[in-house]
């Protein structure tokens, strides 16, 4: 049995997360499955998921922190899902203010410019 490509797995993992109520976009899944040592990823989600590796300089350093605070993003009143909806609403308002015809939702900022 051959496993699906990292690209396909990342899309499927993001879709699975939405089944439990989180409105995430898939960046964590894509970065986890498509990363390469020594490179950052430039991710695009429209029209479909694609990743472009960007070589990092040897002296690049990242600091990763973990607050250890639980964050139950699928809970109805959690701010994560509210922020996602606010972002979509902001895209719609920007599109209307620029005279862009809205043919579908959700809309992304890249579809406005």
Foldseek 3Di string as FASTA:
>chain_A
DDDDALQVQLVVVQVVVVVLAAPDDRPVSSCVRPDDPQWDWDWDPPPHTDTDTDGDDPPDDDDDDDPPDDQDRRDPPGVRVVVVVVQQVVCVVLQVVVVHDDPDPSDHVVVRD
